[in-house]
Protein backbone atom coordinates (compact mmCIF):
# COMPACT_ATOMS: atom_id res chain seq x y z
CA MET A 1 -26.13 10.79 -17.18
CA PRO A 2 -23.53 8.17 -17.57
CA ILE A 3 -20.25 8.47 -16.30
CA ASN A 4 -17.59 8.64 -19.13
CA LYS A 5 -14.82 6.23 -19.46
CA SER A 6 -11.96 8.47 -18.02
CA LYS A 7 -14.12 9.23 -14.96
CA LYS A 8 -14.53 5.40 -14.39
CA TYR A 9 -10.78 5.19 -14.87
CA TRP A 10 -10.04 7.90 -12.34
CA LYS A 11 -12.44 6.54 -9.91
CA LYS A 12 -10.83 2.90 -9.77
CA ASN A 13 -7.33 4.46 -9.63
CA LEU A 14 -8.44 6.67 -6.44
CA LYS A 15 -9.82 3.35 -5.11
CA TYR A 16 -6.67 1.49 -5.75
CA LEU A 17 -4.72 4.61 -4.12
CA THR A 18 -6.79 4.49 -1.04
CA ILE A 19 -6.41 1.15 -0.40
CA LEU A 20 -2.75 0.99 -0.91
CA LEU A 21 -2.19 4.21 1.22
CA SER A 22 -4.26 2.71 4.13
CA VAL A 23 -1.94 -0.50 3.88
CA TRP A 24 1.23 1.96 4.10
CA PHE A 25 -0.34 4.14 6.86
CA LEU A 26 -1.18 0.91 8.92
CA ALA A 27 2.52 -0.49 8.33
CA SER A 28 4.33 2.82 8.94
CA PHE A 29 2.27 4.68 11.56
CA VAL A 30 0.05 2.12 13.27
CA PHE A 31 2.70 -0.82 13.48
CA GLY A 32 5.70 1.56 13.70
CA ILE A 33 4.48 4.15 16.17
CA LEU A 34 1.17 3.12 17.93
CA LEU A 35 1.34 -0.50 18.42
CA VAL A 36 5.21 -0.59 18.86
CA ASP A 37 5.19 -1.80 22.69
CA GLU A 38 2.83 -4.63 21.68
CA LEU A 39 4.65 -5.64 18.81
CA ASN A 40 7.88 -5.51 20.51
CA ALA A 41 6.67 -8.50 22.36
CA ILE A 42 7.36 -10.44 19.08
CA ARG A 43 10.68 -11.23 17.65
CA PHE A 44 11.53 -11.04 13.94
CA GLY A 45 14.87 -12.00 12.73
CA GLY A 46 16.28 -11.37 16.20
CA PHE A 47 14.79 -7.91 16.38
CA LYS A 48 11.66 -6.75 18.31
CA LEU A 49 8.84 -6.52 15.69
CA GLY A 50 7.90 -2.98 16.70
CA PHE A 51 11.60 -1.79 16.13
CA TRP A 52 11.76 -3.72 12.80
CA PHE A 53 8.57 -2.07 11.49
CA ALA A 54 9.64 1.36 12.66
CA GLN A 55 13.15 0.82 11.08
CA GLN A 56 12.75 -1.40 7.95
CA GLY A 57 9.42 -3.06 7.58
CA SER A 58 7.48 0.16 6.67
CA ILE A 59 10.02 0.69 3.84
CA TYR A 60 9.69 -2.86 2.57
CA VAL A 61 5.96 -2.58 2.57
CA PHE A 62 6.20 0.70 0.70
CA VAL A 63 8.41 -0.85 -1.97
CA ILE A 64 6.11 -3.88 -2.41
CA LEU A 65 3.17 -1.52 -2.51
CA ILE A 66 4.96 0.39 -5.55
CA PHE A 67 5.09 -3.00 -7.37
CA ILE A 68 1.53 -3.79 -6.62
CA TYR A 69 0.50 -0.43 -7.91
CA ILE A 70 2.36 -0.80 -11.10
CA LYS A 71 0.78 -4.21 -11.56
CA LEU A 72 -2.70 -2.75 -10.89
CA MET A 73 -2.16 0.42 -13.19
CA ASN A 74 -1.04 -1.84 -16.15
CA SER A 75 -4.23 -4.00 -15.65
CA LEU A 76 -6.37 -0.91 -15.16
CA ASP A 77 -4.61 0.49 -18.48
CA LYS A 78 -5.58 -2.50 -20.27
CA GLU A 79 -9.01 -2.76 -19.03
CA PHE A 80 -9.79 0.91 -20.30
CA GLY A 81 -7.62 0.68 -23.43
CA TYR A 82 -4.92 3.29 -22.37
CA ASN A 83 -2.04 0.77 -22.85
CA LYS A 84 -1.34 1.73 -26.47
């Protein structure tokens, strides 16, 4: 039984969400909490990199991921004909 158009659309959307949320998890939890001591050995803009990720970096990554998601969803809508 073939998968219909809306199921293919939703499957691809979930793939995008999984990848983007994984990147956000990596930036916020892994870099900001788990690897903070290792990253603090590196300086970024005068601040320790671990501190920067914990305070600002994860927020910047999240905002960038929002714009990436918008771009991906616009192209996905066009691909499946939902952009009308």
